């Protein structure tokens, strides 16, 4: 692997670019379909790093496809195909193969559906300050990374720039409507329950994760975006789990910890990453894929 094998940005003649996010380039195919292209960009502290992570976009695409299929009985989703060669505009573009997802268009709910099974990250910070996480009163004797008695739903706003903001469920209901809020919460907790039980059997703890949902033209609620990837989740090892301190992870927490250790104020421009940090991050993404799917990742 070398930087020449990474994809930092895409251009697709014949398709209209709708949005270039931190990781994905989103194109319009027609009125009913979008093309999502997962690049090898990586962000931390809401800044896109100047380096790319080899194979990252393809791993995110393959892992999301796995979870969409595995969870289809819990929630319908927007996935149509991961074969970019089926589109005339992209059929000859080899750099898109393996990192492209054709999906149904939806009206996206402007919220993140976050579920936490363990106490870490912003939840741990809130708990230490208030004894609560997003309004959920928790026992007094919990440690960092403690397993919660039952998973909690802690929604957040979707920020166009800057940090997402945790919100109470009452505010969540105001944004999406009470009936939709109840349905999104139910699905979020059911998806997490099924996925976390499966992942535990594979040696991974899903400490927390976030989901996005949208409505199609018929008003059907679909699970969208990416699902249970190292970008959207906190993955720990079952074998090494020990509450009371931060856990080794199979996600980009490793990158965050490196950035915390250097002299950077977390504002753009982000610093260049040492090659060993790039490769160690890539290895964690590949290991997460291997453990969850039971197969080695290949980009053939």
Protein backbone atom coordinates (compact mmCIF):
# COMPACT_ATOMS: atom_id res chain seq x y z
CA UNK A 1 0.00 0.00 0.00
CA UNK A 2 1.17 3.53 -0.72
CA UNK A 3 -0.46 6.97 -1.02
CA UNK A 4 -0.78 6.52 -4.78
CA UNK A 5 -3.38 3.86 -4.10
CA UNK A 6 -5.62 6.18 -2.11
CA UNK A 7 -8.54 8.28 -3.36
CA UNK A 8 -8.79 11.75 -1.90
CA UNK A 9 -11.46 13.21 -4.17
CA UNK A 10 -13.57 12.12 -7.12
CA UNK A 11 -14.88 13.77 -10.27
CA UNK A 12 -17.49 11.95 -12.38
CA UNK A 13 -18.31 13.49 -15.76
CA UNK A 14 -21.98 13.04 -16.50
CA UNK A 15 -23.12 13.09 -12.87
CA UNK A 16 -23.88 16.17 -10.80
CA UNK A 17 -21.93 16.50 -7.53
CA UNK A 18 -24.43 17.38 -4.80
CA UNK A 19 -22.16 17.37 -1.78
CA UNK A 20 -18.58 16.70 -0.80
CA UNK A 21 -18.57 15.65 2.85
CA UNK A 22 -15.75 14.79 5.20
CA UNK A 23 -15.53 11.31 3.67
CA UNK A 24 -18.17 10.84 0.96
CA UNK A 25 -18.75 12.50 -2.39
CA UNK A 26 -22.47 12.43 -3.21
CA UNK A 27 -23.71 12.49 -6.81
CA UNK A 28 -27.20 12.64 -8.33
CA UNK A 29 -28.00 9.76 -10.69
CA UNK A 30 -31.64 10.64 -11.28
CA UNK A 31 -34.70 11.75 -9.29
CA UNK A 32 -34.80 8.49 -7.35
CA UNK A 33 -31.16 7.49 -6.89
CA UNK A 34 -27.87 8.83 -5.55
CA UNK A 35 -24.31 7.59 -5.85
CA UNK A 36 -22.27 7.72 -2.63
CA UNK A 37 -18.51 7.43 -3.11
CA UNK A 38 -16.50 6.74 0.06
CA UNK A 39 -13.05 8.29 -0.38
CA UNK A 40 -10.02 7.55 1.78
CA UNK A 41 -10.31 10.90 3.55
CA UNK A 42 -10.41 10.79 7.33
CA UNK A 43 -11.53 13.46 9.78
CA UNK A 44 -10.96 14.04 13.45
CA UNK A 45 -12.22 16.86 15.66
CA UNK A 46 -14.27 17.97 12.65
CA UNK A 47 -11.16 18.57 10.52
CA UNK A 48 -10.27 16.56 7.44
CA UNK A 49 -6.70 15.31 7.64
CA UNK A 50 -4.28 16.03 4.76
CA UNK A 51 -3.40 12.32 4.57
CA UNK A 52 -5.66 9.56 3.31
CA UNK A 53 -5.98 6.10 4.88
CA UNK A 54 -5.32 3.32 2.34
CA UNK A 55 -8.40 1.17 1.56
CA UNK A 56 -10.53 3.06 4.06
CA UNK A 57 -13.33 4.02 1.66
CA UNK A 58 -13.63 0.49 0.31
CA UNK A 59 -13.68 -0.95 3.84
CA UNK A 60 -16.44 1.45 4.91
CA UNK A 61 -18.47 0.55 1.83
CA UNK A 62 -18.09 -3.21 2.26
CA UNK A 63 -18.78 -3.10 5.99
CA UNK A 64 -21.89 -0.95 5.56
CA UNK A 65 -23.14 -3.35 2.87
CA UNK A 66 -22.64 -6.25 5.28
CA UNK A 67 -24.61 -4.53 8.04
CA UNK A 68 -27.40 -3.31 5.72
CA UNK A 69 -28.00 -6.90 4.67
CA UNK A 70 -27.64 -8.31 8.18
CA UNK A 71 -30.06 -5.77 9.67
CA UNK A 72 -32.66 -5.69 6.88
CA UNK A 73 -35.20 -7.54 9.02
CA UNK A 74 -34.97 -4.81 11.68
CA UNK A 75 -35.12 -1.81 9.35
CA UNK A 76 -35.44 -1.32 5.60
CA UNK A 77 -32.56 0.69 4.17
CA UNK A 78 -31.58 2.78 1.16
CA UNK A 79 -29.09 0.32 -0.38
CA UNK A 80 -29.66 -0.62 -4.04
CA UNK A 81 -26.23 -1.82 -5.16
CA UNK A 82 -22.49 -1.48 -4.55
CA UNK A 83 -21.65 -2.19 -8.21
CA UNK A 84 -20.62 1.10 -9.78
CA UNK A 85 -20.06 -0.72 -13.07
CA UNK A 86 -23.85 -0.94 -13.49
CA UNK A 87 -23.97 2.80 -14.28
CA UNK A 88 -22.98 4.03 -17.73
CA UNK A 89 -21.33 7.14 -16.25
CA UNK A 90 -19.06 5.12 -13.93
CA UNK A 91 -18.65 1.75 -15.65
CA UNK A 92 -15.09 2.45 -16.86
CA UNK A 93 -13.82 4.22 -13.73
CA UNK A 94 -11.74 1.69 -11.81
CA UNK A 95 -11.09 4.04 -8.88
CA UNK A 96 -14.81 3.92 -8.03
CA UNK A 97 -15.00 0.12 -7.86
CA UNK A 98 -15.53 -1.14 -4.31
CA UNK A 99 -16.12 2.28 -2.80
CA UNK A 100 -19.41 3.25 -4.46
CA UNK A 101 -22.96 2.72 -3.26
CA UNK A 102 -26.08 3.29 -5.31
CA UNK A 103 -28.90 4.27 -2.96
CA UNK A 104 -32.49 5.45 -2.92
CA UNK A 105 -32.95 9.16 -2.42
CA UNK A 106 -34.54 10.16 0.86
CA UNK A 107 -35.44 13.27 2.78
CA UNK A 108 -32.89 12.99 5.58
CA UNK A 109 -33.97 13.63 9.15
CA UNK A 110 -31.64 16.36 10.52
CA UNK A 111 -30.62 14.35 13.58
CA UNK A 112 -28.10 11.71 14.61
CA UNK A 113 -29.64 8.69 16.33
CA UNK A 114 -26.97 7.83 18.88
CA UNK A 115 -27.07 4.78 21.13
CA UNK A 116 -24.64 4.10 23.98
CA UNK A 117 -24.09 0.76 25.63
CA UNK A 118 -20.97 1.87 27.50
CA UNK A 119 -19.85 5.09 29.17
CA UNK A 120 -17.16 6.83 27.15
CA UNK A 121 -16.51 9.94 25.08
CA UNK A 122 -18.86 12.88 25.54
CA UNK A 123 -21.14 10.62 27.60
CA UNK A 124 -18.37 10.00 30.11
CA UNK A 125 -17.61 13.75 30.28
CA UNK A 126 -21.29 14.58 30.89
CA UNK A 127 -21.59 11.87 33.53
CA UNK A 128 -18.57 13.14 35.46
CA UNK A 129 -19.98 16.67 35.41
CA UNK A 130 -23.65 15.96 36.12
CA UNK A 131 -24.23 12.27 36.87
CA UNK A 132 -26.38 12.18 33.74
CA UNK A 133 -26.00 11.53 30.02
CA UNK A 134 -28.42 13.51 27.86
CA UNK A 135 -30.97 13.53 30.66
CA UNK A 136 -30.54 9.86 31.58
CA UNK A 137 -29.80 9.61 35.30
CA UNK A 138 -27.16 6.92 35.85
CA UNK A 139 -25.90 5.12 38.98
CA UNK A 140 -23.32 7.01 41.02
CA UNK A 141 -20.50 4.47 40.98
CA UNK A 142 -19.80 4.06 37.27
CA UNK A 143 -16.26 4.12 35.90
CA UNK A 144 -14.94 5.20 32.54
CA UNK A 145 -16.06 2.64 29.93
CA UNK A 146 -18.48 0.93 32.32
CA UNK A 147 -21.17 -1.15 30.66
CA UNK A 148 -24.56 0.46 31.17
CA UNK A 149 -27.40 -1.55 32.69
CA UNK A 150 -29.22 -1.13 29.38
CA UNK A 151 -28.34 0.88 26.26
CA UNK A 152 -29.49 4.50 26.23
CA UNK A 153 -30.71 6.61 23.32
CA UNK A 154 -28.92 9.97 23.18
CA UNK A 155 -29.83 11.89 19.99
CA UNK A 156 -27.81 14.76 18.57
CA UNK A 157 -28.26 17.50 16.03
CA UNK A 158 -26.47 17.17 12.68
CA UNK A 159 -24.11 20.12 12.39
CA UNK A 160 -23.28 21.37 8.88
CA UNK A 161 -19.98 22.52 10.37
CA UNK A 162 -18.47 22.22 13.82
CA UNK A 163 -19.53 19.71 16.43
CA UNK A 164 -22.83 17.85 16.62
CA UNK A 165 -24.74 18.77 19.78
CA UNK A 166 -26.37 16.29 22.16
CA UNK A 167 -30.04 17.10 22.68
CA UNK A 168 -32.76 15.81 25.04
CA UNK A 169 -35.40 13.49 23.63
CA UNK A 170 -37.99 16.25 24.00
CA UNK A 171 -36.03 18.43 21.57
CA UNK A 172 -35.53 15.42 19.28
CA UNK A 173 -39.34 14.97 19.16
CA UNK A 174 -39.83 18.65 18.38
CA UNK A 175 -37.50 18.38 15.38
CA UNK A 176 -38.87 15.21 13.76
CA UNK A 177 -42.34 14.89 15.32
CA UNK A 178 -43.41 12.65 18.19
CA UNK A 179 -44.47 9.63 16.14
CA UNK A 180 -41.30 9.65 14.03
CA UNK A 181 -39.16 10.20 17.13
CA UNK A 182 -40.67 7.14 18.80
CA UNK A 183 -40.09 5.04 15.66
CA UNK A 184 -36.49 6.20 15.20
CA UNK A 185 -35.68 5.49 18.83
CA UNK A 186 -37.26 2.03 18.62
CA UNK A 187 -35.32 1.13 15.49
CA UNK A 188 -32.06 2.53 16.85
CA UNK A 189 -32.24 0.40 19.99
CA UNK A 190 -33.33 -2.73 18.08
CA UNK A 191 -30.56 -2.35 15.51
CA UNK A 192 -28.01 -1.88 18.26
CA UNK A 193 -29.28 -4.89 20.19
CA UNK A 194 -29.01 -7.22 17.20
CA UNK A 195 -25.69 -5.84 15.96
CA UNK A 196 -23.98 -5.72 19.34
CA UNK A 197 -25.00 -9.31 20.15
CA UNK A 198 -23.56 -10.48 16.83
CA UNK A 199 -20.37 -8.41 17.19
CA UNK A 200 -19.75 -9.73 20.72
CA UNK A 201 -19.71 -13.26 19.32
CA UNK A 202 -17.05 -12.05 16.87
CA UNK A 203 -14.90 -10.52 19.62
CA UNK A 204 -15.96 -6.88 19.26
CA UNK A 205 -17.81 -4.65 21.71
CA UNK A 206 -19.84 -1.92 20.02
CA UNK A 207 -19.56 0.65 22.78
CA UNK A 208 -21.63 3.27 21.00
CA UNK A 209 -22.67 4.18 17.50
CA UNK A 210 -24.84 6.55 15.50
CA UNK A 211 -27.39 5.99 12.77
CA UNK A 212 -29.11 8.21 10.24
CA UNK A 213 -32.57 7.78 8.76
CA UNK A 214 -34.55 9.34 5.93
CA UNK A 215 -37.96 9.10 4.27
CA UNK A 216 -38.43 8.03 0.64
CA UNK A 217 -41.03 9.43 -1.72
CA UNK A 218 -43.72 7.15 -0.27
CA UNK A 219 -42.94 8.28 3.28
CA UNK A 220 -41.20 5.02 4.20
CA UNK A 221 -38.48 5.43 6.83
CA UNK A 222 -35.15 3.97 5.72
CA UNK A 223 -31.82 3.42 7.43
CA UNK A 224 -29.29 5.44 5.40
CA UNK A 225 -25.70 6.67 5.12
CA UNK A 226 -23.15 4.31 6.69
CA UNK A 227 -23.84 1.68 9.33
CA UNK A 228 -21.66 0.41 12.18
CA UNK A 229 -18.31 1.32 10.68
CA UNK A 230 -15.13 2.43 12.48
CA UNK A 231 -16.03 5.99 11.43
CA UNK A 232 -19.46 5.96 13.07
CA UNK A 233 -18.88 3.61 16.01
CA UNK A 234 -16.61 2.88 18.94
CA UNK A 235 -15.28 -0.68 18.66
CA UNK A 236 -13.40 -2.42 21.49
CA UNK A 237 -11.97 -5.90 21.96
CA UNK A 238 -14.02 -8.30 24.07
CA UNK A 239 -10.81 -10.04 25.16
CA UNK A 240 -9.08 -6.94 26.51
CA UNK A 241 -12.10 -5.01 27.84
CA UNK A 242 -11.53 -3.65 31.33
CA UNK A 243 -13.55 -0.72 32.71
CA UNK A 244 -11.86 2.10 34.59
CA UNK A 245 -9.77 3.51 31.74
CA UNK A 246 -9.81 4.15 28.00
CA UNK A 247 -9.93 1.01 25.86
CA UNK A 248 -7.79 0.03 22.86
CA UNK A 249 -10.05 0.47 19.86
CA UNK A 250 -10.62 -0.65 16.27
CA UNK A 251 -11.76 2.78 15.13
CA UNK A 252 -10.38 6.27 14.61
CA UNK A 253 -10.07 6.89 18.34
CA UNK A 254 -6.43 5.85 17.81
CA UNK A 255 -6.02 8.85 15.49
CA UNK A 256 -7.75 11.18 17.93
CA UNK A 257 -5.42 10.08 20.72
CA UNK A 258 -2.38 10.77 18.54
CA UNK A 259 -3.69 14.24 17.70
CA UNK A 260 -4.32 14.93 21.38
CA UNK A 261 -0.65 14.16 22.06
CA UNK A 262 0.79 16.80 19.71
CA UNK A 263 0.80 20.57 19.65
CA UNK A 264 -2.33 21.23 17.58
CA UNK A 265 -5.28 23.42 18.58
CA UNK A 266 -7.85 21.32 16.64
CA UNK A 267 -8.54 24.05 14.11
CA UNK A 268 -7.75 23.91 10.37
CA UNK A 269 -5.38 23.27 8.82
CA UNK A 270 -4.90 19.81 10.28
CA UNK A 271 -1.32 18.56 10.62
CA UNK A 272 0.34 16.02 8.34
CA UNK A 273 0.19 12.54 9.85
CA UNK A 274 3.32 10.39 10.24
CA UNK A 275 3.30 7.33 7.99
CA UNK A 276 3.23 5.00 11.00
CA UNK A 277 -0.01 6.65 12.22
CA UNK A 278 -1.55 6.32 8.76
CA UNK A 279 -0.64 2.63 8.51
CA UNK A 280 -1.66 1.83 12.10
CA UNK A 281 -5.06 3.46 11.49
CA UNK A 282 -5.50 1.47 8.27
CA UNK A 283 -4.66 -1.74 10.12
CA UNK A 284 -7.35 -1.06 12.73
CA UNK A 285 -9.97 -0.59 10.00
CA UNK A 286 -8.93 -3.84 8.32
CA UNK A 287 -9.00 -5.72 11.63
CA UNK A 288 -12.49 -4.43 12.42
CA UNK A 289 -13.64 -5.70 9.03
CA UNK A 290 -12.00 -9.10 9.56
CA UNK A 291 -13.49 -9.61 13.00
CA UNK A 292 -17.01 -8.53 12.04
CA UNK A 293 -17.31 -10.29 8.70
CA UNK A 294 -15.02 -13.26 9.35
CA UNK A 295 -13.06 -12.56 6.16
CA UNK A 296 -9.87 -10.70 5.30
CA UNK A 297 -10.44 -7.46 3.42
CA UNK A 298 -9.20 -7.48 -0.16
CA UNK A 299 -9.61 -4.71 -2.68
CA UNK A 300 -9.55 -6.98 -5.73
